[in-house]
């Protein structure tokens, strides 16, 4: 079976799961539905029928992540940077969050999980998925365990946070709530401009070595166009739904080839780790709320240790100042990578 056919079938399967999740009023159904369904399929015996070393096409996933970047960038306004002291305060709190989360997770994985020092340290990172894996490999970490733990961190946050916020807000979030991301009907003639802006941003992000360049590059381009008043890039709702399905499928298929025992043990550790980090994030959000003037849910999402793309989607779903949220997640990753690079050699992990 060709890789193209397998990818098409996975997307078709994920699309069906997305509409089923929407019918059940699950938060962020077009991402969580495919993620859960494809993950279940990938970790089942049926995954043995996949071609050897099958990988979900990276370019396809990154292309749709660029769409999310454009949408978030279109939300950037001068007001975001109008209160620099408040931003400095929240970024200072974010630095404390990263260091406390890194230390707490290390103790959890080392003492309770029984991981070796290198695996426990790099699995403890509350951000920088690819950077933590690369640094962990160089330090001699247990790679299947490290990769599983880092993937599960993002997946548990992406799954738990929208559900928890739905209970907190008293209703579903995302497209399950009938939310439209576009300001109005978007003509087909706008699509070539979206493609051009996304491609230019992607190349810019790679040239500048930005974190998650496929997201942050298009975000910068859309924000610049918006701030200069040149053009406002509006993304049609159907395209955002497709992007969510692709991202959900790409996350779910990562479970292919991983032993169920490793997944179950990793899931238990990830649940404990994420619970601790979300409690820490909630405490910081509650403390910052009177000083920042931002809603509690916006601050909570800003500190939640998920992926940039996924947290941006959740923020968009809630209209929770997505540019503010994304800025904090970019900074979180930068702080985490610097902390790992600085502390790793001192801890003599090898």
C-alpha atoms as a PDB file:
ATOM      1  CA  UNK A   1       0.000   0.000   0.000  1.00  0.00           C
ATOM      2  CA  UNK A   2       1.504   3.361  -1.045  1.00  0.00           C
ATOM      3  CA  UNK A   3       2.231   6.116   1.440  1.00  0.00           C
ATOM      4  CA  UNK A   4      -0.124   8.457  -0.458  1.00  0.00           C
ATOM      5  CA  UNK A   5      -3.027   6.020  -0.180  1.00  0.00           C
ATOM      6  CA  UNK A   6      -2.336   5.392   3.526  1.00  0.00           C
ATOM      7  CA  UNK A   7      -2.220   9.135   4.219  1.00  0.00           C
ATOM      8  CA  UNK A   8      -5.475   9.672   2.327  1.00  0.00           C
ATOM      9  CA  UNK A   9      -7.214   6.887   4.268  1.00  0.00           C
ATOM     10  CA  UNK A  10      -5.933   8.256   7.596  1.00  0.00           C
ATOM     11  CA  UNK A  11      -7.260  11.737   6.755  1.00  0.00           C
ATOM     12  CA  UNK A  12     -10.602  10.268   5.653  1.00  0.00           C
ATOM     13  CA  UNK A  13     -10.837   8.274   8.881  1.00  0.00           C
ATOM     14  CA  UNK A  14      -9.857  11.334  10.915  1.00  0.00           C
ATOM     15  CA  UNK A  15     -12.448  13.468   9.116  1.00  0.00           C
ATOM     16  CA  UNK A  16     -15.186  11.017  10.051  1.00  0.00           C
ATOM     17  CA  UNK A  17     -14.004  11.117  13.659  1.00  0.00           C
ATOM     18  CA  UNK A  18     -14.059  14.932  13.558  1.00  0.00           C
ATOM     19  CA  UNK A  19     -17.721  15.082  12.527  1.00  0.00           C
ATOM     20  CA  UNK A  20     -18.606  12.391  15.074  1.00  0.00           C
ATOM     21  CA  UNK A  21     -16.863  14.432  17.789  1.00  0.00           C
ATOM     22  CA  UNK A  22     -18.715  17.564  16.650  1.00  0.00           C
ATOM     23  CA  UNK A  23     -22.027  15.722  16.888  1.00  0.00           C
ATOM     24  CA  UNK A  24     -21.133  14.743  20.460  1.00  0.00           C
ATOM     25  CA  UNK A  25     -20.295  18.401  21.295  1.00  0.00           C
ATOM     26  CA  UNK A  26     -16.674  17.518  22.167  1.00  0.00           C
ATOM     27  CA  UNK A  27     -14.453  20.623  22.539  1.00  0.00           C
ATOM     28  CA  UNK A  28     -12.208  21.328  19.517  1.00  0.00           C
ATOM     29  CA  UNK A  29     -13.803  18.375  17.678  1.00  0.00           C
ATOM     30  CA  UNK A  30     -11.900  18.819  14.419  1.00  0.00           C
ATOM     31  CA  UNK A  31      -8.591  18.348  16.222  1.00  0.00           C
ATOM     32  CA  UNK A  32      -9.427  16.132  19.203  1.00  0.00           C
ATOM     33  CA  UNK A  33     -11.692  13.758  17.228  1.00  0.00           C
ATOM     34  CA  UNK A  34      -9.006  12.785  14.684  1.00  0.00           C
ATOM     35  CA  UNK A  35      -6.282  12.794  17.352  1.00  0.00           C
ATOM     36  CA  UNK A  36      -8.079  10.304  19.614  1.00  0.00           C
ATOM     37  CA  UNK A  37      -9.377   8.085  16.788  1.00  0.00           C
ATOM     38  CA  UNK A  38      -6.088   7.920  14.855  1.00  0.00           C
ATOM     39  CA  UNK A  39      -4.091   7.368  18.079  1.00  0.00           C
ATOM     40  CA  UNK A  40      -6.356   4.423  18.946  1.00  0.00           C
ATOM     41  CA  UNK A  41      -5.915   3.021  15.446  1.00  0.00           C
ATOM     42  CA  UNK A  42      -2.146   3.558  15.419  1.00  0.00           C
ATOM     43  CA  UNK A  43      -1.653   1.779  18.756  1.00  0.00           C
ATOM     44  CA  UNK A  44      -3.846  -1.183  17.772  1.00  0.00           C
ATOM     45  CA  UNK A  45      -2.703  -4.384  15.983  1.00  0.00           C
ATOM     46  CA  UNK A  46      -4.086  -2.875  12.752  1.00  0.00           C
ATOM     47  CA  UNK A  47      -1.098  -0.491  12.694  1.00  0.00           C
ATOM     48  CA  UNK A  48       1.073  -3.451  11.662  1.00  0.00           C
ATOM     49  CA  UNK A  49      -0.459  -3.079   8.190  1.00  0.00           C
ATOM     50  CA  UNK A  50       1.097   0.349   7.738  1.00  0.00           C
ATOM     51  CA  UNK A  51       4.100   0.491   5.383  1.00  0.00           C
ATOM     52  CA  UNK A  52       7.455   0.051   7.087  1.00  0.00           C
ATOM     53  CA  UNK A  53       8.643   3.276   8.748  1.00  0.00           C
ATOM     54  CA  UNK A  54       5.506   5.162   7.662  1.00  0.00           C
ATOM     55  CA  UNK A  55       5.525   8.814   8.676  1.00  0.00           C
ATOM     56  CA  UNK A  56       2.705  11.308   8.218  1.00  0.00           C
ATOM     57  CA  UNK A  57       3.919  13.745   5.515  1.00  0.00           C
ATOM     58  CA  UNK A  58       5.768  16.540   7.310  1.00  0.00           C
ATOM     59  CA  UNK A  59       5.202  19.073   4.518  1.00  0.00           C
ATOM     60  CA  UNK A  60       1.452  18.484   4.595  1.00  0.00           C
ATOM     61  CA  UNK A  61       1.291  19.006   8.362  1.00  0.00           C
ATOM     62  CA  UNK A  62       3.583  22.037   8.288  1.00  0.00           C
ATOM     63  CA  UNK A  63       1.631  23.627   5.443  1.00  0.00           C
ATOM     64  CA  UNK A  64      -1.582  23.560   7.444  1.00  0.00           C
ATOM     65  CA  UNK A  65       0.191  24.733  10.582  1.00  0.00           C
ATOM     66  CA  UNK A  66       1.179  27.800   8.526  1.00  0.00           C
ATOM     67  CA  UNK A  67      -2.551  28.494   8.071  1.00  0.00           C
ATOM     68  CA  UNK A  68      -2.961  28.589  11.849  1.00  0.00           C
ATOM     69  CA  UNK A  69       0.032  30.938  12.051  1.00  0.00           C
ATOM     70  CA  UNK A  70      -1.598  33.325   9.577  1.00  0.00           C
ATOM     71  CA  UNK A  71      -4.813  33.330  11.563  1.00  0.00           C
ATOM     72  CA  UNK A  72      -3.076  34.075  14.851  1.00  0.00           C
ATOM     73  CA  UNK A  73      -0.937  36.770  13.230  1.00  0.00           C
ATOM     74  CA  UNK A  74      -4.074  38.471  11.936  1.00  0.00           C
ATOM     75  CA  UNK A  75      -5.128  38.944  15.570  1.00  0.00           C
ATOM     76  CA  UNK A  76      -2.012  41.003  16.432  1.00  0.00           C
ATOM     77  CA  UNK A  77      -2.806  44.638  17.170  1.00  0.00           C
ATOM     78  CA  UNK A  78      -0.718  47.535  18.565  1.00  0.00           C
ATOM     79  CA  UNK A  79      -2.499  47.058  21.908  1.00  0.00           C
ATOM     80  CA  UNK A  80      -0.598  43.784  22.403  1.00  0.00           C
ATOM     81  CA  UNK A  81       2.651  45.700  22.976  1.00  0.00           C
ATOM     82  CA  UNK A  82       1.118  48.809  24.524  1.00  0.00           C
ATOM     83  CA  UNK A  83       1.777  47.717  28.101  1.00  0.00           C
ATOM     84  CA  UNK A  84       5.392  46.534  28.208  1.00  0.00           C
ATOM     85  CA  UNK A  85       5.586  46.391  32.048  1.00  0.00           C
ATOM     86  CA  UNK A  86       2.706  43.908  32.116  1.00  0.00           C
ATOM     87  CA  UNK A  87       4.410  41.755  29.488  1.00  0.00           C
ATOM     88  CA  UNK A  88       7.650  41.864  31.465  1.00  0.00           C
ATOM     89  CA  UNK A  89       5.742  40.718  34.549  1.00  0.00           C
ATOM     90  CA  UNK A  90       4.096  37.770  32.819  1.00  0.00           C
ATOM     91  CA  UNK A  91       7.324  36.704  31.085  1.00  0.00           C
ATOM     92  CA  UNK A  92       9.114  36.831  34.448  1.00  0.00           C
ATOM     93  CA  UNK A  93       6.383  34.598  35.870  1.00  0.00           C
ATOM     94  CA  UNK A  94       6.757  32.349  32.832  1.00  0.00           C
ATOM     95  CA  UNK A  95      10.470  31.916  33.584  1.00  0.00           C
ATOM     96  CA  UNK A  96       9.598  30.845  37.133  1.00  0.00           C
ATOM     97  CA  UNK A  97       6.971  28.456  35.752  1.00  0.00           C
ATOM     98  CA  UNK A  98       9.472  26.766  33.418  1.00  0.00           C
ATOM     99  CA  UNK A  99      12.094  26.278  36.137  1.00  0.00           C
ATOM    100  CA  UNK A 100       9.595  24.991  38.707  1.00  0.00           C
ATOM    101  CA  UNK A 101       7.960  22.658  36.177  1.00  0.00           C
ATOM    102  CA  UNK A 102      11.338  21.336  35.025  1.00  0.00           C
ATOM    103  CA  UNK A 103      12.405  20.615  38.609  1.00  0.00           C
ATOM    104  CA  UNK A 104       9.086  19.066  39.661  1.00  0.00           C
ATOM    105  CA  UNK A 105       8.853  16.869  36.575  1.00  0.00           C
ATOM    106  CA  UNK A 106      12.444  15.705  36.998  1.00  0.00           C
ATOM    107  CA  UNK A 107      11.704  14.517  40.539  1.00  0.00           C
ATOM    108  CA  UNK A 108       8.498  12.801  39.326  1.00  0.00           C
ATOM    109  CA  UNK A 109      10.155  10.940  36.451  1.00  0.00           C
ATOM    110  CA  UNK A 110      13.299  10.105  38.406  1.00  0.00           C
ATOM    111  CA  UNK A 111      11.824   9.075  41.770  1.00  0.00           C
ATOM    112  CA  UNK A 112       8.413   7.692  40.840  1.00  0.00           C
ATOM    113  CA  UNK A 113       8.941   6.762  37.186  1.00  0.00           C
ATOM    114  CA  UNK A 114      12.378   5.271  37.814  1.00  0.00           C
ATOM    115  CA  UNK A 115      13.829   6.844  34.653  1.00  0.00           C
ATOM    116  CA  UNK A 116      17.563   7.313  34.312  1.00  0.00           C
ATOM    117  CA  UNK A 117      18.841  10.847  34.913  1.00  0.00           C
ATOM    118  CA  UNK A 118      19.107  11.910  31.254  1.00  0.00           C
ATOM    119  CA  UNK A 119      15.673  10.558  30.319  1.00  0.00           C
ATOM    120  CA  UNK A 120      14.050  12.090  33.412  1.00  0.00           C
ATOM    121  CA  UNK A 121      15.615  15.507  32.792  1.00  0.00           C
ATOM    122  CA  UNK A 122      14.724  15.874  29.117  1.00  0.00           C
ATOM    123  CA  UNK A 123      11.284  14.278  29.571  1.00  0.00           C
ATOM    124  CA  UNK A 124      10.692  16.897  32.274  1.00  0.00           C
ATOM    125  CA  UNK A 125      11.015  19.810  29.836  1.00  0.00           C
ATOM    126  CA  UNK A 126       7.697  21.760  29.683  1.00  0.00           C
ATOM    127  CA  UNK A 127       8.292  22.738  26.050  1.00  0.00           C
ATOM    128  CA  UNK A 128      10.700  22.413  23.150  1.00  0.00           C
ATOM    129  CA  UNK A 129       9.542  19.013  21.885  1.00  0.00           C
ATOM    130  CA  UNK A 130      12.145  18.569  19.161  1.00  0.00           C
ATOM    131  CA  UNK A 131      14.912  20.343  21.067  1.00  0.00           C
ATOM    132  CA  UNK A 132      14.435  18.151  24.158  1.00  0.00           C
ATOM    133  CA  UNK A 133      14.525  15.019  22.006  1.00  0.00           C
ATOM    134  CA  UNK A 134      17.704  16.130  20.212  1.00  0.00           C
ATOM    135  CA  UNK A 135      19.466  17.109  23.451  1.00  0.00           C
ATOM    136  CA  UNK A 136      18.271  13.946  25.165  1.00  0.00           C
ATOM    137  CA  UNK A 137      19.630  11.750  22.390  1.00  0.00           C
ATOM    138  CA  UNK A 138      23.038  13.452  22.685  1.00  0.00           C
ATOM    139  CA  UNK A 139      22.959  12.842  26.460  1.00  0.00           C
ATOM    140  CA  UNK A 140      22.217   9.116  26.058  1.00  0.00           C
ATOM    141  CA  UNK A 141      18.552   9.172  27.120  1.00  0.00           C
ATOM    142  CA  UNK A 142      16.167   6.254  26.533  1.00  0.00           C
ATOM    143  CA  UNK A 143      14.775   7.563  23.253  1.00  0.00           C
ATOM    144  CA  UNK A 144      11.490   5.575  22.941  1.00  0.00           C
ATOM    145  CA  UNK A 145      10.587   6.565  26.506  1.00  0.00           C
ATOM    146  CA  UNK A 146      11.652  10.196  26.050  1.00  0.00           C
ATOM    147  CA  UNK A 147       9.775  10.651  22.760  1.00  0.00           C
ATOM    148  CA  UNK A 148       6.648   8.971  24.135  1.00  0.00           C
ATOM    149  CA  UNK A 149       6.702  11.169  27.233  1.00  0.00           C
ATOM    150  CA  UNK A 150       7.134  14.401  25.278  1.00  0.00           C
ATOM    151  CA  UNK A 151       4.423  13.530  22.727  1.00  0.00           C
ATOM    152  CA  UNK A 152       2.061  12.566  25.534  1.00  0.00           C
ATOM    153  CA  UNK A 153       2.703  15.856  27.350  1.00  0.00           C
ATOM    154  CA  UNK A 154       1.288  17.778  24.399  1.00  0.00           C
ATOM    155  CA  UNK A 155      -1.546  15.347  23.742  1.00  0.00           C
ATOM    156  CA  UNK A 156      -2.700  15.252  27.372  1.00  0.00           C
ATOM    157  CA  UNK A 157      -2.676  19.074  27.591  1.00  0.00           C
ATOM    158  CA  UNK A 158      -4.503  19.437  24.271  1.00  0.00           C
ATOM    159  CA  UNK A 159      -7.120  16.904  25.378  1.00  0.00           C
ATOM    160  CA  UNK A 160      -7.604  17.947  28.998  1.00  0.00           C
ATOM    161  CA  UNK A 161      -7.486  21.739  28.707  1.00  0.00           C
ATOM    162  CA  UNK A 162     -10.408  22.294  26.274  1.00  0.00           C
ATOM    163  CA  UNK A 163     -12.558  19.836  28.224  1.00  0.00           C
ATOM    164  CA  UNK A 164     -11.712  21.510  31.522  1.00  0.00           C
ATOM    165  CA  UNK A 165     -12.357  24.976  30.100  1.00  0.00           C
ATOM    166  CA  UNK A 166     -15.697  23.787  28.709  1.00  0.00           C
ATOM    167  CA  UNK A 167     -16.760  22.858  32.249  1.00  0.00           C
ATOM    168  CA  UNK A 168     -15.317  26.103  33.625  1.00  0.00           C
ATOM    169  CA  UNK A 169     -17.125  28.239  31.021  1.00  0.00           C
ATOM    170  CA  UNK A 170     -20.323  26.199  31.115  1.00  0.00           C
ATOM    171  CA  UNK A 171     -20.320  25.186  27.444  1.00  0.00           C
ATOM    172  CA  UNK A 172     -18.219  23.604  24.692  1.00  0.00           C
ATOM    173  CA  UNK A 173     -15.351  25.514  23.122  1.00  0.00           C
ATOM    174  CA  UNK A 174     -14.159  25.612  19.539  1.00  0.00           C
ATOM    175  CA  UNK A 175     -16.185  24.621  16.498  1.00  0.00           C
ATOM    176  CA  UNK A 176     -18.403  22.480  18.716  1.00  0.00           C
ATOM    177  CA  UNK A 177     -19.768  25.764  20.003  1.00  0.00           C
ATOM    178  CA  UNK A 178     -20.516  26.953  16.485  1.00  0.00           C
ATOM    179  CA  UNK A 179     -17.635  29.428  16.482  1.00  0.00           C
ATOM    180  CA  UNK A 180     -16.562  30.910  13.167  1.00  0.00           C
ATOM    181  CA  UNK A 181     -12.961  32.050  12.843  1.00  0.00           C
ATOM    182  CA  UNK A 182     -13.551  34.329   9.856  1.00  0.00           C
ATOM    183  CA  UNK A 183     -14.981  37.849  10.113  1.00  0.00           C
ATOM    184  CA  UNK A 184     -17.278  37.124   7.163  1.00  0.00           C
ATOM    185  CA  UNK A 185     -17.448  35.181   3.901  1.00  0.00           C
ATOM    186  CA  UNK A 186     -13.954  34.771   2.441  1.00  0.00           C
ATOM    187  CA  UNK A 187     -13.829  34.763  -1.388  1.00  0.00           C
ATOM    188  CA  UNK A 188     -11.877  32.078  -3.232  1.00  0.00           C
ATOM    189  CA  UNK A 189      -9.755  34.834  -4.749  1.00  0.00           C
ATOM    190  CA  UNK A 190      -8.211  35.374  -1.288  1.00  0.00           C
ATOM    191  CA  UNK A 191      -6.693  31.874  -1.185  1.00  0.00           C
ATOM    192  CA  UNK A 192      -3.658  32.603  -3.437  1.00  0.00           C
ATOM    193  CA  UNK A 193      -2.744  35.511  -1.141  1.00  0.00           C
ATOM    194  CA  UNK A 194      -2.974  33.217   1.873  1.00  0.00           C
ATOM    195  CA  UNK A 195      -0.708  30.685   0.174  1.00  0.00           C
ATOM    196  CA  UNK A 196       1.803  33.385  -0.783  1.00  0.00           C
ATOM    197  CA  UNK A 197       1.846  34.917   2.715  1.00  0.00           C
ATOM    198  CA  UNK A 198       2.135  31.498   4.343  1.00  0.00           C
ATOM    199  CA  UNK A 199       5.027  30.438   2.108  1.00  0.00           C
ATOM    200  CA  UNK A 200       6.874  33.736   2.591  1.00  0.00           C
ATOM    201  CA  UNK A 201       6.413  33.485   6.349  1.00  0.00           C
ATOM    202  CA  UNK A 202       7.572  29.881   6.449  1.00  0.00           C
ATOM    203  CA  UNK A 203      10.776  30.753   4.575  1.00  0.00           C
ATOM    204  CA  UNK A 204      11.302  33.785   6.826  1.00  0.00           C
ATOM    205  CA  UNK A 205      10.851  31.669   9.945  1.00  0.00           C
ATOM    206  CA  UNK A 206      13.428  29.162   8.758  1.00  0.00           C
ATOM    207  CA  UNK A 207      15.881  31.893   7.768  1.00  0.00           C
ATOM    208  CA  UNK A 208      15.570  33.542  11.196  1.00  0.00           C
ATOM    209  CA  UNK A 209      15.666  30.156  13.005  1.00  0.00           C
ATOM    210  CA  UNK A 210      12.440  30.941  14.852  1.00  0.00           C
ATOM    211  CA  UNK A 211      10.877  28.292  17.117  1.00  0.00           C
ATOM    212  CA  UNK A 212       8.300  26.284  15.105  1.00  0.00           C
ATOM    213  CA  UNK A 213       9.070  28.349  11.955  1.00  0.00           C
ATOM    214  CA  UNK A 214       6.128  26.913  10.024  1.00  0.00           C
ATOM    215  CA  UNK A 215       3.853  28.609  12.586  1.00  0.00           C
ATOM    216  CA  UNK A 216       5.778  31.644  13.817  1.00  0.00           C
ATOM    217  CA  UNK A 217       7.021  32.777  10.392  1.00  0.00           C
ATOM    218  CA  UNK A 218       3.532  33.132   8.848  1.00  0.00           C
ATOM    219  CA  UNK A 219       2.390  34.640  12.153  1.00  0.00           C
ATOM    220  CA  UNK A 220       5.039  37.379  11.866  1.00  0.00           C
ATOM    221  CA  UNK A 221       4.134  38.110   8.232  1.00  0.00           C
ATOM    222  CA  UNK A 222       0.382  38.321   8.942  1.00  0.00           C
ATOM    223  CA  UNK A 223       1.006  40.471  12.017  1.00  0.00           C
ATOM    224  CA  UNK A 224       3.280  42.843  10.075  1.00  0.00           C
ATOM    225  CA  UNK A 225       0.725  43.230   7.280  1.00  0.00           C
ATOM    226  CA  UNK A 226      -2.011  43.857   9.836  1.00  0.00           C
ATOM    227  CA  UNK A 227      -0.013  46.352  11.943  1.00  0.00           C
ATOM    228  CA  UNK A 228       1.057  48.322   8.856  1.00  0.00           C
ATOM    229  CA  UNK A 229      -2.529  48.428   7.647  1.00  0.00           C
ATOM    230  CA  UNK A 230      -1.580  46.952   4.268  1.00  0.00           C
ATOM    231  CA  UNK A 231      -3.989  44.026   4.276  1.00  0.00           C
ATOM    232  CA  UNK A 232      -5.935  41.888   6.739  1.00  0.00           C
ATOM    233  CA  UNK A 233      -5.587  38.194   5.955  1.00  0.00           C
ATOM    234  CA  UNK A 234      -8.809  36.406   6.793  1.00  0.00           C
ATOM    235  CA  UNK A 235      -8.830  32.595   6.820  1.00  0.00           C
ATOM    236  CA  UNK A 236     -12.065  30.789   5.873  1.00  0.00           C
ATOM    237  CA  UNK A 237     -13.575  28.618   8.588  1.00  0.00           C
ATOM    238  CA  UNK A 238     -13.575  25.499   6.425  1.00  0.00           C
ATOM    239  CA  UNK A 239      -9.819  25.826   5.882  1.00  0.00           C
ATOM    240  CA  UNK A 240      -9.230  26.077   9.628  1.00  0.00           C
ATOM    241  CA  UNK A 241     -11.314  22.929  10.133  1.00  0.00           C
ATOM    242  CA  UNK A 242      -9.224  21.081   7.543  1.00  0.00           C
ATOM    243  CA  UNK A 243      -6.042  22.295   9.256  1.00  0.00           C
ATOM    244  CA  UNK A 244      -7.282  20.970  12.594  1.00  0.00           C
ATOM    245  CA  UNK A 245      -8.065  17.556  11.079  1.00  0.00           C
ATOM    246  CA  UNK A 246      -4.580  17.338   9.542  1.00  0.00           C
ATOM    247  CA  UNK A 247      -2.886  18.376  12.797  1.00  0.00           C
ATOM    248  CA  UNK A 248      -4.999  15.914  14.805  1.00  0.00           C
ATOM    249  CA  UNK A 249      -4.175  13.039  12.444  1.00  0.00           C
ATOM    250  CA  UNK A 250      -0.472  13.907  12.496  1.00  0.00           C
ATOM    251  CA  UNK A 251      -0.420  13.864  16.308  1.00  0.00           C
ATOM    252  CA  UNK A 252      -2.384  10.630  16.542  1.00  0.00           C
ATOM    253  CA  UNK A 253      -0.275   8.638  14.068  1.00  0.00           C
ATOM    254  CA  UNK A 254       2.812   9.182  16.216  1.00  0.00           C
ATOM    255  CA  UNK A 255       1.624   6.295  18.389  1.00  0.00           C
ATOM    256  CA  UNK A 256       2.231   3.798  15.565  1.00  0.00           C
ATOM    257  CA  UNK A 257       4.846   1.218  16.495  1.00  0.00           C
ATOM    258  CA  UNK A 258       4.995   2.150  20.179  1.00  0.00           C
ATOM    259  CA  UNK A 259       4.259  -0.715  22.569  1.00  0.00           C
ATOM    260  CA  UNK A 260       0.971  -0.335  24.415  1.00  0.00           C
ATOM    261  CA  UNK A 261       2.667  -0.993  27.755  1.00  0.00           C
ATOM    262  CA  UNK A 262       5.021   1.923  27.162  1.00  0.00           C
ATOM    263  CA  UNK A 263       2.104   4.143  26.136  1.00  0.00           C
ATOM    264  CA  UNK A 264       0.022   3.236  29.193  1.00  0.00           C
ATOM    265  CA  UNK A 265       2.899   3.777  31.628  1.00  0.00           C
ATOM    266  CA  UNK A 266       3.878   6.983  29.848  1.00  0.00           C
ATOM    267  CA  UNK A 267       0.250   8.174  29.905  1.00  0.00           C
ATOM    268  CA  UNK A 268       0.049   7.707  33.665  1.00  0.00           C
ATOM    269  CA  UNK A 269       3.277   9.670  34.146  1.00  0.00           C
ATOM    270  CA  UNK A 270       2.131  12.345  31.664  1.00  0.00           C
ATOM    271  CA  UNK A 271      -1.191  12.712  33.473  1.00  0.00           C
ATOM    272  CA  UNK A 272       0.583  13.277  36.793  1.00  0.00           C
ATOM    273  CA  UNK A 273       3.093  15.660  35.211  1.00  0.00           C
ATOM    274  CA  UNK A 274       0.486  17.681  33.323  1.00  0.00           C
ATOM    275  CA  UNK A 275      -1.802  17.842  36.362  1.00  0.00           C
ATOM    276  CA  UNK A 276       1.012  19.353  38.395  1.00  0.00           C
ATOM    277  CA  UNK A 277       1.920  21.845  35.672  1.00  0.00           C
ATOM    278  CA  UNK A 278      -1.694  22.910  35.118  1.00  0.00           C
ATOM    279  CA  UNK A 279      -2.174  23.472  38.849  1.00  0.00           C
ATOM    280  CA  UNK A 280       1.009  25.573  38.858  1.00  0.00           C
ATOM    281  CA  UNK A 281      -0.220  27.469  35.765  1.00  0.00           C
ATOM    282  CA  UNK A 282      -3.612  28.067  37.395  1.00  0.00           C
ATOM    283  CA  UNK A 283      -2.004  29.446  40.569  1.00  0.00           C
ATOM    284  CA  UNK A 284       0.205  31.809  38.544  1.00  0.00           C
ATOM    285  CA  UNK A 285      -2.766  32.863  36.390  1.00  0.00           C
ATOM    286  CA  UNK A 286      -4.827  33.617  39.492  1.00  0.00           C
ATOM    287  CA  UNK A 287      -1.992  35.686  40.978  1.00  0.00           C
ATOM    288  CA  UNK A 288      -1.372  37.609  37.751  1.00  0.00           C
ATOM    289  CA  UNK A 289      -5.008  38.275  36.876  1.00  0.00           C
ATOM    290  CA  UNK A 290      -5.493  41.380  39.090  1.00  0.00           C
ATOM    291  CA  UNK A 291      -2.205  42.878  37.872  1.00  0.00           C
ATOM    292  CA  UNK A 292      -2.447  41.974  34.181  1.00  0.00           C
ATOM    293  CA  UNK A 293      -6.048  42.829  33.392  1.00  0.00           C
ATOM    294  CA  UNK A 294      -6.362  39.625  31.325  1.00  0.00           C
ATOM    295  CA  UNK A 295      -9.037  36.978  31.805  1.00  0.00           C
ATOM    296  CA  UNK A 296      -8.131  33.904  33.864  1.00  0.00           C
ATOM    297  CA  UNK A 297      -8.638  31.519  30.924  1.00  0.00           C
ATOM    298  CA  UNK A 298      -6.324  33.608  28.711  1.00  0.00           C
ATOM    299  CA  UNK A 299      -3.561  33.517  31.325  1.00  0.00           C
ATOM    300  CA  UNK A 300      -4.078  29.808  31.986  1.00  0.00           C
ATOM    301  CA  UNK A 301      -3.758  28.961  28.285  1.00  0.00           C
ATOM    302  CA  UNK A 302      -0.667  31.198  28.094  1.00  0.00           C
ATOM    303  CA  UNK A 303       1.092  29.077  30.739  1.00  0.00           C
ATOM    304  CA  UNK A 304      -0.286  25.624  29.803  1.00  0.00           C
ATOM    305  CA  UNK A 305       2.593  23.378  28.629  1.00  0.00           C
ATOM    306  CA  UNK A 306       1.180  22.349  25.245  1.00  0.00           C
ATOM    307  CA  UNK A 307       2.415  22.883  21.713  1.00  0.00           C
ATOM    308  CA  UNK A 308       2.412  26.385  20.198  1.00  0.00           C
ATOM    309  CA  UNK A 309       0.029  25.400  17.418  1.00  0.00           C
ATOM    310  CA  UNK A 310      -2.404  23.574  19.664  1.00  0.00           C
ATOM    311  CA  UNK A 311      -2.462  26.290  22.329  1.00  0.00           C
ATOM    312  CA  UNK A 312      -2.969  28.893  19.620  1.00  0.00           C
ATOM    313  CA  UNK A 313      -5.965  26.945  18.338  1.00  0.00           C
ATOM    314  CA  UNK A 314      -7.463  26.724  21.804  1.00  0.00           C
ATOM    315  CA  UNK A 315      -6.959  30.470  22.290  1.00  0.00           C
ATOM    316  CA  UNK A 316      -8.601  31.166  18.929  1.00  0.00           C
ATOM    317  CA  UNK A 317     -11.507  28.933  19.868  1.00  0.00           C
ATOM    318  CA  UNK A 318     -12.110  30.967  23.011  1.00  0.00           C
ATOM    319  CA  UNK A 319     -11.257  34.334  21.452  1.00  0.00           C
ATOM    320  CA  UNK A 320      -8.774  34.448  24.343  1.00  0.00           C
ATOM    321  CA  UNK A 321      -6.264  36.986  22.963  1.00  0.00           C
ATOM    322  CA  UNK A 322      -4.496  34.422  20.714  1.00  0.00           C
ATOM    323  CA  UNK A 323      -1.591  36.737  19.876  1.00  0.00           C
ATOM    324  CA  UNK A 324      -0.866  37.254  23.598  1.00  0.00           C
ATOM    325  CA  UNK A 325      -1.089  33.486  24.201  1.00  0.00           C
ATOM    326  CA  UNK A 326       1.155  32.577  21.274  1.00  0.00           C
ATOM    327  CA  UNK A 327       3.781  35.146  22.263  1.00  0.00           C
ATOM    328  CA  UNK A 328       4.024  33.518  25.694  1.00  0.00           C
ATOM    329  CA  UNK A 329       4.370  30.029  24.223  1.00  0.00           C
ATOM    330  CA  UNK A 330       7.180  31.123  21.935  1.00  0.00           C
ATOM    331  CA  UNK A 331       8.951  32.625  24.948  1.00  0.00           C
ATOM    332  CA  UNK A 332       8.245  29.466  27.010  1.00  0.00           C
ATOM    333  CA  UNK A 333      10.019  27.328  24.436  1.00  0.00           C
ATOM    334  CA  UNK A 334      12.983  29.697  24.257  1.00  0.00           C
ATOM    335  CA  UNK A 335      13.319  29.729  28.065  1.00  0.00           C
ATOM    336  CA  UNK A 336      13.027  25.928  28.215  1.00  0.00           C
ATOM    337  CA  UNK A 337      15.685  25.366  25.550  1.00  0.00           C
ATOM    338  CA  UNK A 338      18.086  27.782  27.266  1.00  0.00           C
ATOM    339  CA  UNK A 339      17.445  26.091  30.639  1.00  0.00           C
ATOM    340  CA  UNK A 340      18.074  22.615  29.197  1.00  0.00           C
ATOM    341  CA  UNK A 341      21.258  23.719  27.451  1.00  0.00           C
ATOM    342  CA  UNK A 342      22.545  25.487  30.585  1.00  0.00           C
ATOM    343  CA  UNK A 343      21.567  22.909  33.227  1.00  0.00           C
ATOM    344  CA  UNK A 344      22.054  19.650  31.304  1.00  0.00           C
ATOM    345  CA  UNK A 345      25.882  19.685  31.263  1.00  0.00           C
ATOM    346  CA  UNK A 346      26.043  20.779  34.931  1.00  0.00           C
ATOM    347  CA  UNK A 347      23.932  17.835  36.033  1.00  0.00           C
ATOM    348  CA  UNK A 348      26.324  15.341  34.386  1.00  0.00           C
ATOM    349  CA  UNK A 349      23.456  13.324  32.966  1.00  0.00           C
ATOM    350  CA  UNK A 350      25.531  10.849  31.015  1.00  0.00           C
END
